[in-house]
Amino acid sequence: MRVVWLASYPKSGNTWLRFLIYSYLYGEPEGSNQVAQTIPDIHAMGGYQPPENANRVFIKSHFLLGPQHPLAQFTAGFIYVLRHPKDVLLSNLNFYRMHAEGRFDEVAFARTYIERLGAPQWIDLGMGNWVQHAASWMDGVPRMPSLVLRYEDLKSDPETHMTRVAEFIEGTADPERVRRAVAASSLSSMSRMERRERKKGEESVVFHIDAKTGGAEQRFVNKGLSGQSLAHLGAEVEDAFEKRFGEAMGLLGYA
């Protein structure tokens, strides 16, 4: 078995990439669990078994790249999605709010995220902080087949960058299949699927829908915005972010 990792720090667009690749290879999915079964999440694999005679599988990962990574011995390459850490912070904030019980202190969460350069939960689960995570995968670029995608580029011109993905995984890209995959995997299409599955009470490991809370109003698929501000959390939060992440952002091409 050869594994191509779909890697990112949590809340950087990995689910979107899974839908894009699934739609390109197999057509528009009828439900999120089709995507999960074909392109599994290493954090929720359980008893996953790759298809018989599969010589290559795609698996989602938020772990750091290295010998400690599960199934590291099967690594054949990876696609890494890099997203501006400010947007990652806000997307994580939405995710934590979605799962919080009772009042959720957004400012306290942001301050902790900034201080530790990432979400404590992900750090404790072996994913490192945003800086460590990006560095571990970027260090692997010269050593194995890989493709680095900026979330912002994928969002602004999805067909161009999905073409890069198709060329990476197949050698060439079919423009019509690219267009269909982009249309089938738009945030609005994914959001409609999530709303439909929540309404039906269907469990989904992709959208984090539990059968007991399937009708809840929280949404996994959010707005997917870029270039956001932290000003609504206070000027001191915005300033602290720029000071803490400034050097790393500069090294990774974010002004």
Protein backbone atom coordinates (compact mmCIF):
# COMPACT_ATOMS: atom_id res chain seq x y z
CA MET A 1 0.00 0.00 0.00
CA ARG A 2 1.24 3.48 -0.90
CA VAL A 3 -0.28 6.39 1.00
CA VAL A 4 -0.61 9.92 -0.34
CA TRP A 5 -1.38 12.13 2.64
CA LEU A 6 -3.82 15.02 2.40
CA ALA A 7 -2.28 17.07 5.16
CA SER A 8 -3.02 20.35 6.89
CA TYR A 9 -3.20 21.97 10.26
CA PRO A 10 -6.78 21.54 11.58
CA LYS A 11 -9.31 23.90 10.00
CA SER A 12 -7.22 24.75 6.95
CA GLY A 13 -9.37 23.30 4.16
CA ASN A 14 -8.56 19.60 4.30
CA THR A 15 -12.21 18.52 4.05
CA TRP A 16 -12.65 20.68 0.96
CA LEU A 17 -9.60 19.02 -0.63
CA ARG A 18 -11.03 15.56 0.12
CA PHE A 19 -14.28 16.48 -1.62
CA LEU A 20 -12.43 17.94 -4.61
CA ILE A 21 -10.29 14.84 -5.11
CA TYR A 22 -13.20 12.45 -4.58
CA SER A 23 -15.36 14.37 -7.06
CA TYR A 24 -12.57 14.46 -9.62
CA LEU A 25 -11.82 10.74 -9.39
CA TYR A 26 -15.29 9.28 -8.81
CA GLY A 27 -17.91 11.93 -9.54
CA GLU A 28 -20.14 13.92 -7.21
CA PRO A 29 -20.72 12.07 -3.92
CA GLU A 30 -24.24 11.32 -2.74
CA GLY A 31 -23.23 11.81 0.89
CA SER A 32 -20.30 12.69 3.09
CA ASN A 33 -19.74 9.11 4.24
CA GLN A 34 -18.89 8.10 0.65
CA VAL A 35 -15.98 10.53 0.86
CA ALA A 36 -15.00 9.28 4.32
CA GLN A 37 -14.94 5.65 3.20
CA THR A 38 -12.88 6.31 0.09
CA ILE A 39 -10.57 9.02 1.44
CA PRO A 40 -10.50 8.26 5.16
CA ASP A 41 -9.37 10.44 8.03
CA ILE A 42 -6.48 8.87 9.94
CA HIS A 43 -7.92 10.36 13.13
CA ALA A 44 -11.18 8.46 12.66
CA MET A 45 -10.17 5.36 10.72
CA GLY A 46 -10.97 2.67 13.27
CA GLY A 47 -10.92 -0.61 11.38
CA TYR A 48 -10.37 0.94 7.96
CA GLN A 49 -9.08 -1.41 5.32
CA PRO A 50 -7.87 -0.12 1.93
CA PRO A 51 -9.68 -1.44 -1.14
CA GLU A 52 -8.43 -4.80 -2.36
CA ASN A 53 -5.48 -4.52 -4.75
CA ALA A 54 -5.22 -0.77 -4.06
CA ASN A 55 -1.67 0.33 -4.75
CA ARG A 56 -2.38 3.92 -3.71
CA VAL A 57 -4.76 5.42 -1.16
CA PHE A 58 -5.41 9.00 -0.10
CA ILE A 59 -5.71 9.58 3.65
CA LYS A 60 -6.38 12.81 5.54
CA SER A 61 -3.91 13.71 8.29
CA HIS A 62 -3.36 16.52 10.76
CA PHE A 63 -0.33 14.88 12.35
CA LEU A 64 3.22 16.20 12.07
CA LEU A 65 5.23 14.57 9.30
CA GLY A 66 7.98 12.32 10.56
CA PRO A 67 8.81 8.74 11.55
CA GLN A 68 6.29 9.00 14.41
CA HIS A 69 3.42 9.53 11.94
CA PRO A 70 1.05 6.52 11.78
CA LEU A 71 1.65 4.39 8.66
CA ALA A 72 4.77 6.46 7.96
CA GLN A 73 6.42 3.46 6.33
CA PHE A 74 3.79 3.52 3.57
CA THR A 75 4.18 7.21 2.70
CA ALA A 76 4.45 7.80 -1.05
CA GLY A 77 3.92 11.56 -1.04
CA PHE A 78 1.57 14.26 0.15
CA ILE A 79 -0.52 17.30 -0.68
CA TYR A 80 -0.24 19.99 1.98
CA VAL A 81 -2.78 22.79 2.43
CA LEU A 82 -1.32 25.92 4.02
CA ARG A 83 -3.72 28.58 5.30
CA HIS A 84 -3.08 31.99 6.85
CA PRO A 85 -2.85 31.42 10.62
CA LYS A 86 -5.28 34.24 11.38
CA ASP A 87 -8.01 32.54 9.35
CA VAL A 88 -7.02 29.22 10.93
CA LEU A 89 -7.46 30.77 14.36
CA LEU A 90 -10.93 32.05 13.52
CA SER A 91 -11.98 28.77 11.91
CA ASN A 92 -10.82 26.89 15.00
CA LEU A 93 -12.69 29.38 17.15
CA ASN A 94 -15.88 28.52 15.26
CA PHE A 95 -15.17 24.80 15.63
CA TYR A 96 -14.57 25.07 19.38
CA ARG A 97 -17.68 27.22 19.78
CA MET A 98 -19.66 24.55 17.96
CA HIS A 99 -18.64 21.91 20.50
CA ALA A 100 -18.64 24.10 23.62
CA GLU A 101 -21.10 23.46 26.40
CA GLY A 102 -22.35 26.69 27.93
CA ARG A 103 -20.69 30.06 27.48
CA PHE A 104 -17.61 30.15 25.24
CA ASP A 105 -15.01 32.88 25.85
CA GLU A 106 -13.78 33.78 22.36
CA VAL A 107 -11.20 36.31 23.54
CA ALA A 108 -9.65 33.87 26.01
CA PHE A 109 -9.49 31.21 23.31
CA ALA A 110 -7.78 33.62 20.87
CA ARG A 111 -5.24 34.71 23.48
CA THR A 112 -4.35 31.11 24.31
CA TYR A 113 -4.10 30.24 20.61
CA ILE A 114 -1.76 33.17 20.02
CA GLU A 115 0.41 32.41 23.06
CA ARG A 116 0.84 28.75 22.09
CA LEU A 117 0.86 29.36 18.31
CA GLY A 118 -1.98 26.89 17.96
CA ALA A 119 -4.94 25.26 19.67
CA PRO A 120 -4.02 23.40 22.89
CA GLN A 121 -6.22 20.44 21.98
CA TRP A 122 -4.38 19.85 18.70
CA ILE A 123 -1.00 20.29 20.38
CA ASP A 124 -1.93 17.72 23.02
CA LEU A 125 -3.05 15.28 20.30
CA GLY A 126 0.37 15.31 18.63
CA MET A 127 -0.29 17.82 15.85
CA GLY A 128 2.03 20.52 17.15
CA ASN A 129 1.31 24.20 16.77
CA TRP A 130 0.76 25.98 13.45
CA VAL A 131 4.46 26.81 13.02
CA GLN A 132 5.72 23.34 13.91
CA HIS A 133 3.13 21.70 11.68
CA ALA A 134 3.97 23.76 8.60
CA ALA A 135 7.70 23.28 9.17
CA SER A 136 7.43 19.49 9.47
CA TRP A 137 5.62 19.11 6.15
CA MET A 138 7.61 21.78 4.30
CA ASP A 139 10.80 19.97 5.30
CA GLY A 140 9.44 16.92 3.46
CA VAL A 141 8.98 18.75 0.13
CA PRO A 142 12.49 18.08 -1.24
CA ARG A 143 12.45 14.46 -0.08
CA MET A 144 9.32 13.02 -1.67
CA PRO A 145 6.64 13.75 -4.29
CA SER A 146 4.58 16.60 -2.88
CA LEU A 147 2.36 19.54 -3.69
CA VAL A 148 1.84 22.57 -1.46
CA LEU A 149 -1.43 24.46 -1.91
CA ARG A 150 -2.27 27.78 -0.34
CA TYR A 151 -5.88 27.82 0.78
CA GLU A 152 -6.14 31.41 -0.41
CA ASP A 153 -5.06 30.46 -3.94
CA LEU A 154 -7.44 27.51 -4.05
CA LYS A 155 -10.27 29.76 -2.95
CA SER A 156 -9.53 32.57 -5.42
CA ASP A 157 -8.98 30.30 -8.45
CA PRO A 158 -10.17 26.76 -7.67
CA GLU A 159 -10.04 25.45 -11.24
CA THR A 160 -6.40 26.41 -11.74
CA HIS A 161 -5.26 24.88 -8.48
CA MET A 162 -7.48 21.82 -8.76
CA THR A 163 -5.78 21.30 -12.13
CA ARG A 164 -2.45 21.24 -10.25
CA VAL A 165 -3.90 18.63 -7.89
CA ALA A 166 -5.15 16.49 -10.79
CA GLU A 167 -1.77 16.70 -12.52
CA PHE A 168 -0.06 15.67 -9.29
CA ILE A 169 -2.21 12.60 -8.75
CA GLU A 170 -2.71 11.49 -12.36
CA GLY A 171 0.04 13.13 -14.40
CA THR A 172 -2.45 15.02 -16.55
CA ALA A 173 -5.69 16.88 -15.86
CA ASP A 174 -9.06 16.58 -17.60
CA PRO A 175 -10.46 20.15 -17.74
CA GLU A 176 -14.09 19.00 -17.77
CA ARG A 177 -13.61 16.72 -14.77
CA VAL A 178 -11.86 19.59 -12.98
CA ARG A 179 -14.82 21.90 -13.63
CA ARG A 180 -17.30 19.29 -12.42
CA ALA A 181 -15.25 18.58 -9.30
CA VAL A 182 -15.01 22.27 -8.42
CA ALA A 183 -18.76 22.73 -8.88
CA ALA A 184 -19.62 19.62 -6.86
CA SER A 185 -17.26 20.61 -4.05
CA SER A 186 -18.10 24.27 -3.61
CA LEU A 187 -18.65 25.44 -0.04
CA SER A 188 -22.32 25.99 -0.84
CA SER A 189 -22.66 22.41 -2.16
CA MET A 190 -20.92 20.99 0.90
CA SER A 191 -23.03 23.15 3.20
CA ARG A 192 -26.25 21.93 1.57
CA MET A 193 -25.11 18.34 2.03
CA GLU A 194 -24.34 18.96 5.69
CA ARG A 195 -27.73 20.61 6.30
CA ARG A 196 -29.47 17.70 4.57
CA GLU A 197 -27.61 15.10 6.63
CA ARG A 198 -28.24 16.97 9.88
CA LYS A 199 -31.94 17.27 9.08
CA LYS A 200 -32.13 13.52 8.49
CA GLY A 201 -30.13 12.80 11.64
CA GLU A 202 -27.50 10.89 9.68
CA GLU A 203 -24.18 10.30 11.39
CA SER A 204 -21.18 11.76 9.60
CA VAL A 205 -17.52 11.54 10.58
CA VAL A 206 -16.80 14.25 8.00
CA PHE A 207 -19.23 16.84 9.34
CA HIS A 208 -18.97 15.62 12.95
CA ILE A 209 -22.67 14.78 13.12
CA ASP A 210 -23.70 12.52 15.96
CA ALA A 211 -27.02 10.69 15.57
CA LYS A 212 -28.16 12.14 18.92
CA THR A 213 -27.42 15.74 17.93
CA GLY A 214 -27.89 15.57 14.18
CA GLY A 215 -30.47 18.34 14.16
CA ALA A 216 -28.31 20.80 16.06
CA GLU A 217 -27.83 24.21 14.53
CA GLN A 218 -24.03 24.15 14.64
CA ARG A 219 -22.32 23.91 11.27
CA PHE A 220 -19.00 22.24 10.41
CA VAL A 221 -18.89 23.84 6.94
CA ASN A 222 -18.48 27.52 7.70
CA LYS A 223 -17.93 30.48 5.37
CA GLY A 224 -14.33 29.60 4.45
CA LEU A 225 -13.25 33.22 4.50
CA SER A 226 -9.77 34.60 3.86
CA GLY A 227 -8.03 37.79 4.89
CA GLN A 228 -10.03 38.20 8.08
CA SER A 229 -9.36 40.50 11.01
CA LEU A 230 -9.25 39.88 14.75
CA ALA A 231 -10.36 43.43 15.47
CA HIS A 232 -13.76 42.28 16.76
CA LEU A 233 -11.89 40.49 19.57
CA GLY A 234 -10.05 43.66 20.55
CA ALA A 235 -7.13 45.70 19.24
CA GLU A 236 -4.78 44.08 21.76
CA VAL A 237 -5.61 40.63 20.36
CA GLU A 238 -4.84 41.76 16.81
CA ASP A 239 -1.54 43.31 17.94
CA ALA A 240 -0.55 40.22 19.93
CA PHE A 241 -1.21 38.02 16.92
CA GLU A 242 0.99 40.09 14.59
CA LYS A 243 3.87 40.05 17.08
CA ARG A 244 3.62 36.33 17.81
CA PHE A 245 3.10 35.02 14.27
CA GLY A 246 4.94 37.73 12.33
CA GLU A 247 8.27 35.99 11.80
CA ALA A 248 6.75 32.63 10.84
CA MET A 249 4.28 34.28 8.46
CA GLY A 250 7.13 36.12 6.77
CA LEU A 251 9.11 32.91 6.28
CA LEU A 252 6.09 31.21 4.72
CA GLY A 253 5.28 34.07 2.38
CA TYR A 254 2.48 35.74 4.32
CA ALA A 255 3.05 39.47 4.66
